Structure formats: C-alpha cells, structure tokens
Amino acid sequence: MHSEINKAIQILKNGGLILYPTDTVWGIGCDATNPEAIKKVYKLKQREDNKALICLVADDRMLKKYVKKIPEAAYSLFDVSENPITLIYDDAQNLAPNLIANDG
C-alpha cells in the first residue's frame, strides 16, 4: 500500500493525474498549484477551463494556505460535522490561476 501512495505522490509532484475513490464516484486528482496539471484535468474531462474545479484539503491548517479569509461559521461547521463536508470560499490564494472560477 505504501508503495502505491508513494507512486501517486511522485505522479502528482511530476504534474501527472491520479484517480482516487470517493464515497460516490472516482475523482481525478492533480497538484492544484500546477497550471499544467490543471490543464490536463480540463482536457480529460472535456470541460471549459473557465469553470472552477474543487480543491480538497485535509484540515483547517491546509485550508488556510489556499483561502484568504475563513469565516468563523466554517469552523463551527467543522466542529459539528461527523462526515466530510463541502464549503465554497471566496478569495482563493496560492492555487493555479486556471483552477479558480472567473468570480474568484
């Protein structure tokens, strides 16, 4: 198992794509800070690059790296949620520009 995880990490570091299981479908993953990797996702999905993609984070420390201001209400949701949750934030930062929707 560790060798597969290490291989996936190398693929991501080299700008490649990976597939990963979610609770409902398979996800396509890449380094969200690498514009060339983002282009590969758009091409594979046959999707216009003016639509945003999701960015998964492991915890609030990682989230702070990619979102300028996290509302206090988000922390309350983290505390009460027993399952993974989806939140949409304004003012992304430190991500590939082509990952972020036109409205930020």
PDB file of N, CA and C in Angstrom:
ATOM      1  N   MET A   1       0.821  -1.199   0.000  1.00  0.00           N
ATOM      2  CA  MET A   1       0.000   0.000   0.000  1.00  0.00           C
ATOM      3  C   MET A   1       0.862   1.259   0.000  1.00  0.00           C
ATOM      4  N   HIS A   2       1.919   1.280   0.834  1.00  0.00           N
ATOM      5  CA  HIS A   2       2.777   2.464   0.906  1.00  0.00           C
ATOM      6  C   HIS A   2       3.443   2.751  -0.427  1.00  0.00           C
ATOM      7  N   SER A   3       3.824   1.707  -1.160  1.00  0.00           N
ATOM      8  CA  SER A   3       4.491   1.936  -2.443  1.00  0.00           C
ATOM      9  C   SER A   3       3.531   2.593  -3.437  1.00  0.00           C
ATOM     10  N   GLU A   4       2.242   2.230  -3.381  1.00  0.00           N
ATOM     11  CA  GLU A   4       1.269   2.852  -4.268  1.00  0.00           C
ATOM     12  C   GLU A   4       1.042   4.320  -3.901  1.00  0.00           C
ATOM     13  N   ILE A   5       1.016   4.615  -2.622  1.00  0.00           N
ATOM     14  CA  ILE A   5       0.861   6.004  -2.174  1.00  0.00           C
ATOM     15  C   ILE A   5       2.080   6.815  -2.597  1.00  0.00           C
ATOM     16  N   ASN A   6       3.268   6.260  -2.408  1.00  0.00           N
ATOM     17  CA  ASN A   6       4.485   6.963  -2.823  1.00  0.00           C
ATOM     18  C   ASN A   6       4.511   7.185  -4.325  1.00  0.00           C
ATOM     19  N   LYS A   7       4.032   6.217  -5.088  1.00  0.00           N
ATOM     20  CA  LYS A   7       3.964   6.365  -6.545  1.00  0.00           C
ATOM     21  C   LYS A   7       2.989   7.492  -6.910  1.00  0.00           C
ATOM     22  N   ALA A   8       1.845   7.537  -6.247  1.00  0.00           N
ATOM     23  CA  ALA A   8       0.864   8.595  -6.508  1.00  0.00           C
ATOM     24  C   ALA A   8       1.447   9.966  -6.176  1.00  0.00           C
ATOM     25  N   ILE A   9       2.185  10.061  -5.083  1.00  0.00           N
ATOM     26  CA  ILE A   9       2.820  11.328  -4.696  1.00  0.00           C
ATOM     27  C   ILE A   9       3.800  11.769  -5.778  1.00  0.00           C
ATOM     28  N   GLN A  10       4.597  10.844  -6.289  1.00  0.00           N
ATOM     29  CA  GLN A  10       5.552  11.183  -7.350  1.00  0.00           C
ATOM     30  C   GLN A  10       4.835  11.648  -8.608  1.00  0.00           C
ATOM     31  N   ILE A  11       3.746  10.981  -8.957  1.00  0.00           N
ATOM     32  CA  ILE A  11       2.964  11.371 -10.132  1.00  0.00           C
ATOM     33  C   ILE A  11       2.451  12.796  -9.956  1.00  0.00           C
ATOM     34  N   LEU A  12       1.918  13.104  -8.789  1.00  0.00           N
ATOM     35  CA  LEU A  12       1.415  14.449  -8.515  1.00  0.00           C
ATOM     36  C   LEU A  12       2.536  15.481  -8.579  1.00  0.00           C
ATOM     37  N   LYS A  13       3.682  15.171  -7.981  1.00  0.00           N
ATOM     38  CA  LYS A  13       4.818  16.098  -7.995  1.00  0.00           C
ATOM     39  C   LYS A  13       5.314  16.364  -9.411  1.00  0.00           C
ATOM     40  N   ASN A  14       5.154  15.376 -10.296  1.00  0.00           N
ATOM     41  CA  ASN A  14       5.619  15.499 -11.674  1.00  0.00           C
ATOM     42  C   ASN A  14       4.548  16.066 -12.603  1.00  0.00           C
ATOM     43  N   GLY A  15       3.441  16.561 -12.039  1.00  0.00           N
ATOM     44  CA  GLY A  15       2.400  17.180 -12.859  1.00  0.00           C
ATOM     45  C   GLY A  15       1.424  16.201 -13.477  1.00  0.00           C
ATOM     46  N   GLY A  16       1.418  14.974 -13.006  1.00  0.00           N
ATOM     47  CA  GLY A  16       0.517  13.969 -13.537  1.00  0.00           C
ATOM     48  C   GLY A  16      -0.829  13.949 -12.838  1.00  0.00           C
ATOM     49  N   LEU A  17      -1.680  13.058 -13.314  1.00  0.00           N
ATOM     50  CA  LEU A  17      -3.022  12.893 -12.761  1.00  0.00           C
ATOM     51  C   LEU A  17      -3.137  11.547 -12.072  1.00  0.00           C
ATOM     52  N   ILE A  18      -3.985  11.494 -11.067  1.00  0.00           N
ATOM     53  CA  ILE A  18      -4.298  10.236 -10.386  1.00  0.00           C
ATOM     54  C   ILE A  18      -5.815  10.089 -10.314  1.00  0.00           C
ATOM     55  N   LEU A  19      -6.268   8.878 -10.122  1.00  0.00           N
ATOM     56  CA  LEU A  19      -7.670   8.605  -9.821  1.00  0.00           C
ATOM     57  C   LEU A  19      -7.740   8.165  -8.372  1.00  0.00           C
ATOM     58  N   TYR A  20      -8.794   8.608  -7.659  1.00  0.00           N
ATOM     59  CA  TYR A  20      -8.951   8.216  -6.266  1.00  0.00           C
ATOM     60  C   TYR A  20     -10.437   8.000  -5.990  1.00  0.00           C
ATOM     61  N   PRO A  21     -10.752   7.041  -5.134  1.00  0.00           N
ATOM     62  CA  PRO A  21     -12.164   6.786  -4.825  1.00  0.00           C
ATOM     63  C   PRO A  21     -12.723   7.809  -3.847  1.00  0.00           C
ATOM     64  N   THR A  22     -13.971   8.180  -4.065  1.00  0.00           N
ATOM     65  CA  THR A  22     -14.711   8.990  -3.099  1.00  0.00           C
ATOM     66  C   THR A  22     -15.874   8.135  -2.623  1.00  0.00           C
ATOM     67  N   ASP A  23     -16.768   8.710  -1.850  1.00  0.00           N
ATOM     68  CA  ASP A  23     -17.897   7.924  -1.361  1.00  0.00           C
ATOM     69  C   ASP A  23     -18.897   7.592  -2.468  1.00  0.00           C
ATOM     70  N   THR A  24     -18.855   8.305  -3.595  1.00  0.00           N
ATOM     71  CA  THR A  24     -19.842   8.051  -4.651  1.00  0.00           C
ATOM     72  C   THR A  24     -19.240   7.778  -6.028  1.00  0.00           C
ATOM     73  N   VAL A  25     -18.145   8.421  -6.354  1.00  0.00           N
ATOM     74  CA  VAL A  25     -17.550   8.280  -7.691  1.00  0.00           C
ATOM     75  C   VAL A  25     -16.028   8.274  -7.569  1.00  0.00           C
ATOM     76  N   TRP A  26     -15.364   8.049  -8.683  1.00  0.00           N
ATOM     77  CA  TRP A  26     -13.910   8.195  -8.728  1.00  0.00           C
ATOM     78  C   TRP A  26     -13.580   9.651  -9.007  1.00  0.00           C
ATOM     79  N   GLY A  27     -12.605  10.182  -8.300  1.00  0.00           N
ATOM     80  CA  GLY A  27     -12.152  11.545  -8.513  1.00  0.00           C
ATOM     81  C   GLY A  27     -10.888  11.571  -9.352  1.00  0.00           C
ATOM     82  N   ILE A  28     -10.699  12.660 -10.070  1.00  0.00           N
ATOM     83  CA  ILE A  28      -9.474  12.896 -10.828  1.00  0.00           C
ATOM     84  C   ILE A  28      -8.680  13.905 -10.023  1.00  0.00           C
ATOM     85  N   GLY A  29      -7.463  13.560  -9.666  1.00  0.00           N
ATOM     86  CA  GLY A  29      -6.666  14.437  -8.837  1.00  0.00           C
ATOM     87  C   GLY A  29      -5.392  14.894  -9.500  1.00  0.00           C
ATOM     88  N   CYS A  30      -4.941  16.072  -9.091  1.00  0.00           N
ATOM     89  CA  CYS A  30      -3.667  16.619  -9.540  1.00  0.00           C
ATOM     90  C   CYS A  30      -3.196  17.635  -8.507  1.00  0.00           C
ATOM     91  N   ASP A  31      -2.014  18.191  -8.732  1.00  0.00           N
ATOM     92  CA  ASP A  31      -1.484  19.248  -7.878  1.00  0.00           C
ATOM     93  C   ASP A  31      -2.233  20.532  -8.212  1.00  0.00           C
ATOM     94  N   ALA A  32      -3.009  21.039  -7.275  1.00  0.00           N
ATOM     95  CA  ALA A  32      -3.852  22.220  -7.505  1.00  0.00           C
ATOM     96  C   ALA A  32      -3.048  23.503  -7.673  1.00  0.00           C
ATOM     97  N   THR A  33      -1.748  23.444  -7.453  1.00  0.00           N
ATOM     98  CA  THR A  33      -0.903  24.620  -7.645  1.00  0.00           C
ATOM     99  C   THR A  33      -0.185  24.595  -8.991  1.00  0.00           C
ATOM    100  N   ASN A  34      -0.356  23.542  -9.765  1.00  0.00           N
ATOM    101  CA  ASN A  34       0.355  23.359 -11.033  1.00  0.00           C
ATOM    102  C   ASN A  34      -0.583  23.621 -12.216  1.00  0.00           C
ATOM    103  N   PRO A  35      -0.436  24.767 -12.902  1.00  0.00           N
ATOM    104  CA  PRO A  35      -1.332  25.094 -14.016  1.00  0.00           C
ATOM    105  C   PRO A  35      -1.342  24.051 -15.140  1.00  0.00           C
ATOM    106  N   GLU A  36      -0.197  23.439 -15.411  1.00  0.00           N
ATOM    107  CA  GLU A  36      -0.143  22.423 -16.474  1.00  0.00           C
ATOM    108  C   GLU A  36      -0.930  21.177 -16.080  1.00  0.00           C
ATOM    109  N   ALA A  37      -0.870  20.800 -14.813  1.00  0.00           N
ATOM    110  CA  ALA A  37      -1.645  19.652 -14.330  1.00  0.00           C
ATOM    111  C   ALA A  37      -3.138  19.960 -14.401  1.00  0.00           C
ATOM    112  N   ILE A  38      -3.507  21.179 -14.059  1.00  0.00           N
ATOM    113  CA  ILE A  38      -4.919  21.598 -14.139  1.00  0.00           C
ATOM    114  C   ILE A  38      -5.403  21.503 -15.580  1.00  0.00           C
ATOM    115  N   LYS A  39      -4.582  21.933 -16.535  1.00  0.00           N
ATOM    116  CA  LYS A  39      -4.948  21.836 -17.955  1.00  0.00           C
ATOM    117  C   LYS A  39      -5.251  20.393 -18.344  1.00  0.00           C
ATOM    118  N   LYS A  40      -4.474  19.457 -17.803  1.00  0.00           N
ATOM    119  CA  LYS A  40      -4.691  18.032 -18.106  1.00  0.00           C
ATOM    120  C   LYS A  40      -6.061  17.571 -17.602  1.00  0.00           C
ATOM    121  N   VAL A  41      -6.458  18.051 -16.432  1.00  0.00           N
ATOM    122  CA  VAL A  41      -7.770  17.675 -15.891  1.00  0.00           C
ATOM    123  C   VAL A  41      -8.876  18.203 -16.794  1.00  0.00           C
ATOM    124  N   TYR A  42      -8.791  19.488 -17.172  1.00  0.00           N
ATOM    125  CA  TYR A  42      -9.802  20.069 -18.060  1.00  0.00           C
ATOM    126  C   TYR A  42      -9.872  19.301 -19.375  1.00  0.00           C
ATOM    127  N   LYS A  43      -8.725  18.965 -19.908  1.00  0.00           N
ATOM    128  CA  LYS A  43      -8.691  18.239 -21.189  1.00  0.00           C
ATOM    129  C   LYS A  43      -9.329  16.855 -21.033  1.00  0.00           C
ATOM    130  N   LEU A  44      -8.965  16.149 -19.987  1.00  0.00           N
ATOM    131  CA  LEU A  44      -9.506  14.808 -19.750  1.00  0.00           C
ATOM    132  C   LEU A  44     -11.021  14.850 -19.553  1.00  0.00           C
ATOM    133  N   LYS A  45     -11.487  15.847 -18.812  1.00  0.00           N
ATOM    134  CA  LYS A  45     -12.922  15.978 -18.549  1.00  0.00           C
ATOM    135  C   LYS A  45     -13.676  16.616 -19.713  1.00  0.00           C
ATOM    136  N   GLN A  46     -12.931  17.093 -20.716  1.00  0.00           N
ATOM    137  CA  GLN A  46     -13.523  17.811 -21.843  1.00  0.00           C
ATOM    138  C   GLN A  46     -14.411  18.943 -21.324  1.00  0.00           C
ATOM    139  N   ARG A  47     -13.821  19.731 -20.459  1.00  0.00           N
ATOM    140  CA  ARG A  47     -14.524  20.799 -19.759  1.00  0.00           C
ATOM    141  C   ARG A  47     -13.864  22.141 -20.058  1.00  0.00           C
ATOM    142  N   GLU A  48     -14.676  23.165 -20.192  1.00  0.00           N
ATOM    143  CA  GLU A  48     -14.145  24.508 -20.405  1.00  0.00           C
ATOM    144  C   GLU A  48     -13.325  24.929 -19.197  1.00  0.00           C
ATOM    145  N   ASP A  49     -12.236  25.624 -19.455  1.00  0.00           N
ATOM    146  CA  ASP A  49     -11.362  25.992 -18.342  1.00  0.00           C
ATOM    147  C   ASP A  49     -11.789  27.254 -17.598  1.00  0.00           C
ATOM    148  N   ASN A  50     -12.970  27.789 -17.913  1.00  0.00           N
ATOM    149  CA  ASN A  50     -13.453  28.932 -17.137  1.00  0.00           C
ATOM    150  C   ASN A  50     -14.357  28.485 -15.989  1.00  0.00           C
ATOM    151  N   LYS A  51     -14.574  27.188 -15.858  1.00  0.00           N
ATOM    152  CA  LYS A  51     -15.324  26.641 -14.728  1.00  0.00           C
ATOM    153  C   LYS A  51     -14.327  26.202 -13.656  1.00  0.00           C
ATOM    154  N   ALA A  52     -14.672  26.451 -12.422  1.00  0.00           N
ATOM    155  CA  ALA A  52     -13.784  26.081 -11.323  1.00  0.00           C
ATOM    156  C   ALA A  52     -13.757  24.569 -11.129  1.00  0.00           C
ATOM    157  N   LEU A  53     -12.702  24.115 -10.514  1.00  0.00           N
ATOM    158  CA  LEU A  53     -12.601  22.732 -10.061  1.00  0.00           C
ATOM    159  C   LEU A  53     -12.576  22.752  -8.539  1.00  0.00           C
ATOM    160  N   ILE A  54     -12.831  21.613  -7.935  1.00  0.00           N
ATOM    161  CA  ILE A  54     -12.756  21.556  -6.474  1.00  0.00           C
ATOM    162  C   ILE A  54     -11.304  21.373  -6.040  1.00  0.00           C
ATOM    163  N   CYS A  55     -11.036  21.768  -4.838  1.00  0.00           N
ATOM    164  CA  CYS A  55      -9.726  21.577  -4.235  1.00  0.00           C
ATOM    165  C   CYS A  55      -9.964  20.940  -2.863  1.00  0.00           C
ATOM    166  N   LEU A  56      -9.470  19.747  -2.689  1.00  0.00           N
ATOM    167  CA  LEU A  56      -9.653  19.043  -1.422  1.00  0.00           C
ATOM    168  C   LEU A  56      -8.516  19.389  -0.469  1.00  0.00           C
ATOM    169  N   VAL A  57      -8.854  19.585   0.787  1.00  0.00           N
ATOM    170  CA  VAL A  57      -7.851  19.841   1.820  1.00  0.00           C
ATOM    171  C   VAL A  57      -8.065  18.872   2.972  1.00  0.00           C
ATOM    172  N   ALA A  58      -7.003  18.590   3.677  1.00  0.00           N
ATOM    173  CA  ALA A  58      -7.054  17.615   4.764  1.00  0.00           C
ATOM    174  C   ALA A  58      -7.547  18.198   6.080  1.00  0.00           C
ATOM    175  N   ASP A  59      -7.248  19.484   6.309  1.00  0.00           N
ATOM    176  CA  ASP A  59      -7.592  20.079   7.599  1.00  0.00           C
ATOM    177  C   ASP A  59      -7.583  21.594   7.482  1.00  0.00           C
ATOM    178  N   ASP A  60      -7.923  22.275   8.585  1.00  0.00           N
ATOM    179  CA  ASP A  60      -8.006  23.736   8.532  1.00  0.00           C
ATOM    180  C   ASP A  60      -6.646  24.393   8.336  1.00  0.00           C
ATOM    181  N   ARG A  61      -5.584  23.749   8.781  1.00  0.00           N
ATOM    182  CA  ARG A  61      -4.247  24.294   8.541  1.00  0.00           C
ATOM    183  C   ARG A  61      -3.953  24.368   7.040  1.00  0.00           C
ATOM    184  N   MET A  62      -4.295  23.320   6.327  1.00  0.00           N
ATOM    185  CA  MET A  62      -4.093  23.296   4.884  1.00  0.00           C
ATOM    186  C   MET A  62      -5.036  24.280   4.195  1.00  0.00           C
ATOM    187  N   LEU A  63      -6.254  24.383   4.695  1.00  0.00           N
ATOM    188  CA  LEU A  63      -7.237  25.309   4.128  1.00  0.00           C
ATOM    189  C   LEU A  63      -6.732  26.747   4.186  1.00  0.00           C
ATOM    190  N   LYS A  64      -6.112  27.130   5.300  1.00  0.00           N
ATOM    191  CA  LYS A  64      -5.607  28.495   5.472  1.00  0.00           C
ATOM    192  C   LYS A  64      -4.578  28.870   4.411  1.00  0.00           C
ATOM    193  N   LYS A  65      -3.913  27.872   3.867  1.00  0.00           N
ATOM    194  CA  LYS A  65      -2.913  28.117   2.832  1.00  0.00           C
ATOM    195  C   LYS A  65      -3.568  28.562   1.514  1.00  0.00           C
ATOM    196  N   TYR A  66      -4.828  28.141   1.292  1.00  0.00           N
ATOM    197  CA  TYR A  66      -5.467  28.362  -0.005  1.00  0.00           C
ATOM    198  C   TYR A  66      -6.667  29.310   0.017  1.00  0.00           C
ATOM    199  N   VAL A  67      -7.077  29.751   1.198  1.00  0.00           N
ATOM    200  CA  VAL A  67      -8.212  30.671   1.318  1.00  0.00           C
ATOM    201  C   VAL A  67      -7.772  31.855   2.157  1.00  0.00           C
ATOM    202  N   LYS A  68      -8.003  33.077   1.645  1.00  0.00           N
ATOM    203  CA  LYS A  68      -7.542  34.282   2.342  1.00  0.00           C
ATOM    204  C   LYS A  68      -8.232  34.488   3.683  1.00  0.00           C
ATOM    205  N   LYS A  69      -9.555  34.289   3.723  1.00  0.00           N
ATOM    206  CA  LYS A  69     -10.298  34.521   4.971  1.00  0.00           C
ATOM    207  C   LYS A  69     -11.323  33.399   5.141  1.00  0.00           C
ATOM    208  N   ILE A  70     -11.219  32.714   6.250  1.00  0.00           N
ATOM    209  CA  ILE A  70     -12.142  31.623   6.560  1.00  0.00           C
ATOM    210  C   ILE A  70     -13.152  32.152   7.574  1.00  0.00           C
ATOM    211  N   PRO A  71     -14.433  32.165   7.225  1.00  0.00           N
ATOM    212  CA  PRO A  71     -15.441  32.672   8.166  1.00  0.00           C
ATOM    213  C   PRO A  71     -15.511  31.811   9.432  1.00  0.00           C
ATOM    214  N   GLU A  72     -15.806  32.435  10.548  1.00  0.00           N
ATOM    215  CA  GLU A  72     -15.939  31.702  11.817  1.00  0.00           C
ATOM    216  C   GLU A  72     -16.996  30.601  11.718  1.00  0.00           C
ATOM    217  N   ALA A  73     -18.033  30.841  10.942  1.00  0.00           N
ATOM    218  CA  ALA A  73     -19.093  29.831  10.783  1.00  0.00           C
ATOM    219  C   ALA A  73     -18.535  28.529  10.205  1.00  0.00           C
ATOM    220  N   ALA A  74     -17.510  28.625   9.384  1.00  0.00           N
ATOM    221  CA  ALA A  74     -16.908  27.415   8.813  1.00  0.00           C
ATOM    222  C   ALA A  74     -16.315  26.543   9.916  1.00  0.00           C
ATOM    223  N   TYR A  75     -15.639  27.178  10.872  1.00  0.00           N
ATOM    224  CA  TYR A  75     -15.056  26.408  11.976  1.00  0.00           C
ATOM    225  C   TYR A  75     -16.144  25.718  12.794  1.00  0.00           C
ATOM    226  N   SER A  76     -17.279  26.372  12.957  1.00  0.00           N
ATOM    227  CA  SER A  76     -18.395  25.751  13.678  1.00  0.00           C
ATOM    228  C   SER A  76     -18.897  24.533  12.926  1.00  0.00           C
ATOM    229  N   LEU A  77     -18.977  24.650  11.605  1.00  0.00           N
ATOM    230  CA  LEU A  77     -19.408  23.502  10.795  1.00  0.00           C
ATOM    231  C   LEU A  77     -18.415  22.351  10.898  1.00  0.00           C
ATOM    232  N   PHE A  78     -17.121  22.659  10.893  1.00  0.00           N
ATOM    233  CA  PHE A  78     -16.104  21.614  11.051  1.00  0.00           C
ATOM    234  C   PHE A  78     -16.308  20.862  12.358  1.00  0.00           C
ATOM    235  N   ASP A  79     -16.612  21.617  13.413  1.00  0.00           N
ATOM    236  CA  ASP A  79     -16.737  21.021  14.742  1.00  0.00           C
ATOM    237  C   ASP A  79     -17.935  20.081  14.861  1.00  0.00           C
ATOM    238  N   VAL A  80     -19.038  20.402  14.193  1.00  0.00           N
ATOM    239  CA  VAL A  80     -20.245  19.591  14.349  1.00  0.00           C
ATOM    240  C   VAL A  80     -20.410  18.523  13.276  1.00  0.00           C
ATOM    241  N   SER A  81     -19.683  18.630  12.188  1.00  0.00           N
ATOM    242  CA  SER A  81     -19.837  17.662  11.093  1.00  0.00           C
ATOM    243  C   SER A  81     -19.168  16.336  11.446  1.00  0.00           C
ATOM    244  N   GLU A  82     -19.914  15.267  11.280  1.00  0.00           N
ATOM    245  CA  GLU A  82     -19.356  13.936  11.508  1.00  0.00           C
ATOM    246  C   GLU A  82     -18.830  13.322  10.220  1.00  0.00           C
ATOM    247  N   ASN A  83     -19.145  13.939   9.096  1.00  0.00           N
ATOM    248  CA  ASN A  83     -18.729  13.442   7.789  1.00  0.00           C
ATOM    249  C   ASN A  83     -18.000  14.550   7.044  1.00  0.00           C
ATOM    250  N   PRO A  84     -17.269  14.191   5.987  1.00  0.00           N
ATOM    251  CA  PRO A  84     -16.655  15.246   5.170  1.00  0.00           C
ATOM    252  C   PRO A  84     -17.729  16.201   4.661  1.00  0.00           C
ATOM    253  N   ILE A  85     -17.381  17.470   4.563  1.00  0.00           N
ATOM    254  CA  ILE A  85     -18.335  18.477   4.099  1.00  0.00           C
ATOM    255  C   ILE A  85     -17.726  19.282   2.953  1.00  0.00           C
ATOM    256  N   THR A  86     -18.599  19.911   2.196  1.00  0.00           N
ATOM    257  CA  THR A  86     -18.179  20.784   1.104  1.00  0.00           C
ATOM    258  C   THR A  86     -18.558  22.207   1.456  1.00  0.00           C
ATOM    259  N   LEU A  87     -17.566  23.086   1.439  1.00  0.00           N
ATOM    260  CA  LEU A  87     -17.793  24.510   1.642  1.00  0.00           C
ATOM    261  C   LEU A  87     -17.182  25.251   0.471  1.00  0.00           C
ATOM    262  N   ILE A  88     -17.815  26.336   0.066  1.00  0.00           N
ATOM    263  CA  ILE A  88     -17.312  27.151  -1.031  1.00  0.00           C
ATOM    264  C   ILE A  88     -16.844  28.472  -0.446  1.00  0.00           C
ATOM    265  N   TYR A  89     -15.606  28.830  -0.756  1.00  0.00           N
ATOM    266  CA  TYR A  89     -14.986  30.034  -0.210  1.00  0.00           C
ATOM    267  C   TYR A  89     -14.705  31.042  -1.308  1.00  0.00           C
ATOM    268  N   ASP A  90     -14.712  32.314  -0.928  1.00  0.00           N
ATOM    269  CA  ASP A  90     -14.256  33.396  -1.797  1.00  0.00           C
ATOM    270  C   ASP A  90     -12.758  33.581  -1.611  1.00  0.00           C
ATOM    271  N   ASP A  91     -12.153  34.273  -2.544  1.00  0.00           N
ATOM    272  CA  ASP A  91     -10.765  34.730  -2.431  1.00  0.00           C
ATOM    273  C   ASP A  91      -9.749  33.600  -2.246  1.00  0.00           C
ATOM    274  N   ALA A  92      -9.704  32.720  -3.237  1.00  0.00           N
ATOM    275  CA  ALA A  92      -8.682  31.670  -3.222  1.00  0.00           C
ATOM    276  C   ALA A  92      -7.305  32.295  -3.390  1.00  0.00           C
ATOM    277  N   GLN A  93      -6.296  31.616  -2.868  1.00  0.00           N
ATOM    278  CA  GLN A  93      -4.922  32.092  -2.998  1.00  0.00           C
ATOM    279  C   GLN A  93      -3.981  30.894  -3.122  1.00  0.00           C
ATOM    280  N   ASN A  94      -2.816  31.127  -3.669  1.00  0.00           N
ATOM    281  CA  ASN A  94      -1.748  30.107  -3.765  1.00  0.00           C
ATOM    282  C   ASN A  94      -2.162  28.883  -4.574  1.00  0.00           C
ATOM    283  N   LEU A  95      -3.124  29.036  -5.455  1.00  0.00           N
ATOM    284  CA  LEU A  95      -3.555  27.950  -6.337  1.00  0.00           C
ATOM    285  C   LEU A  95      -3.266  28.340  -7.779  1.00  0.00           C
ATOM    286  N   ALA A  96      -3.235  27.352  -8.658  1.00  0.00           N
ATOM    287  CA  ALA A  96      -3.056  27.646 -10.078  1.00  0.00           C
ATOM    288  C   ALA A  96      -4.208  28.552 -10.532  1.00  0.00           C
ATOM    289  N   PRO A  97      -3.916  29.627 -11.245  1.00  0.00           N
ATOM    290  CA  PRO A  97      -4.970  30.562 -11.676  1.00  0.00           C
ATOM    291  C   PRO A  97      -6.093  29.896 -12.478  1.00  0.00           C
ATOM    292  N   ASN A  98      -5.750  28.877 -13.261  1.00  0.00           N
ATOM    293  CA  ASN A  98      -6.769  28.213 -14.078  1.00  0.00           C
ATOM    294  C   ASN A  98      -7.629  27.229 -13.289  1.00  0.00           C
ATOM    295  N   LEU A  99      -7.404  27.094 -12.007  1.00  0.00           N
ATOM    296  CA  LEU A  99      -8.248  26.272 -11.139  1.00  0.00           C
ATOM    297  C   LEU A  99      -9.427  27.088 -10.613  1.00  0.00           C
ATOM    298  N   ILE A 100      -9.240  28.383 -10.518  1.00  0.00           N
ATOM    299  CA  ILE A 100     -10.194  29.272  -9.851  1.00  0.00           C
ATOM    300  C   ILE A 100     -11.184  29.835 -10.858  1.00  0.00           C
ATOM    301  N   ALA A 101     -12.473  29.847 -10.504  1.00  0.00           N
ATOM    302  CA  ALA A 101     -13.509  30.396 -11.365  1.00  0.00           C
ATOM    303  C   ALA A 101     -13.274  31.884 -11.605  1.00  0.00           C
ATOM    304  N   ASN A 102     -13.848  32.400 -12.663  1.00  0.00           N
ATOM    305  CA  ASN A 102     -13.684  33.814 -13.008  1.00  0.00           C
ATOM    306  C   ASN A 102     -14.096  34.750 -11.875  1.00  0.00           C
ATOM    307  N   ASP A 103     -15.049  34.340 -11.059  1.00  0.00           N
ATOM    308  CA  ASP A 103     -15.513  35.214  -9.979  1.00  0.00           C
ATOM    309  C   ASP A 103     -14.705  35.061  -8.685  1.00  0.00           C
ATOM    310  N   GLY A 104     -13.634  34.283  -8.748  1.00  0.00           N
ATOM    311  CA  GLY A 104     -12.731  34.148  -7.608  1.00  0.00           C
ATOM    312  C   GLY A 104     -13.127  33.046  -6.655  1.00  0.00           C
TER     313      GLY A 104
END
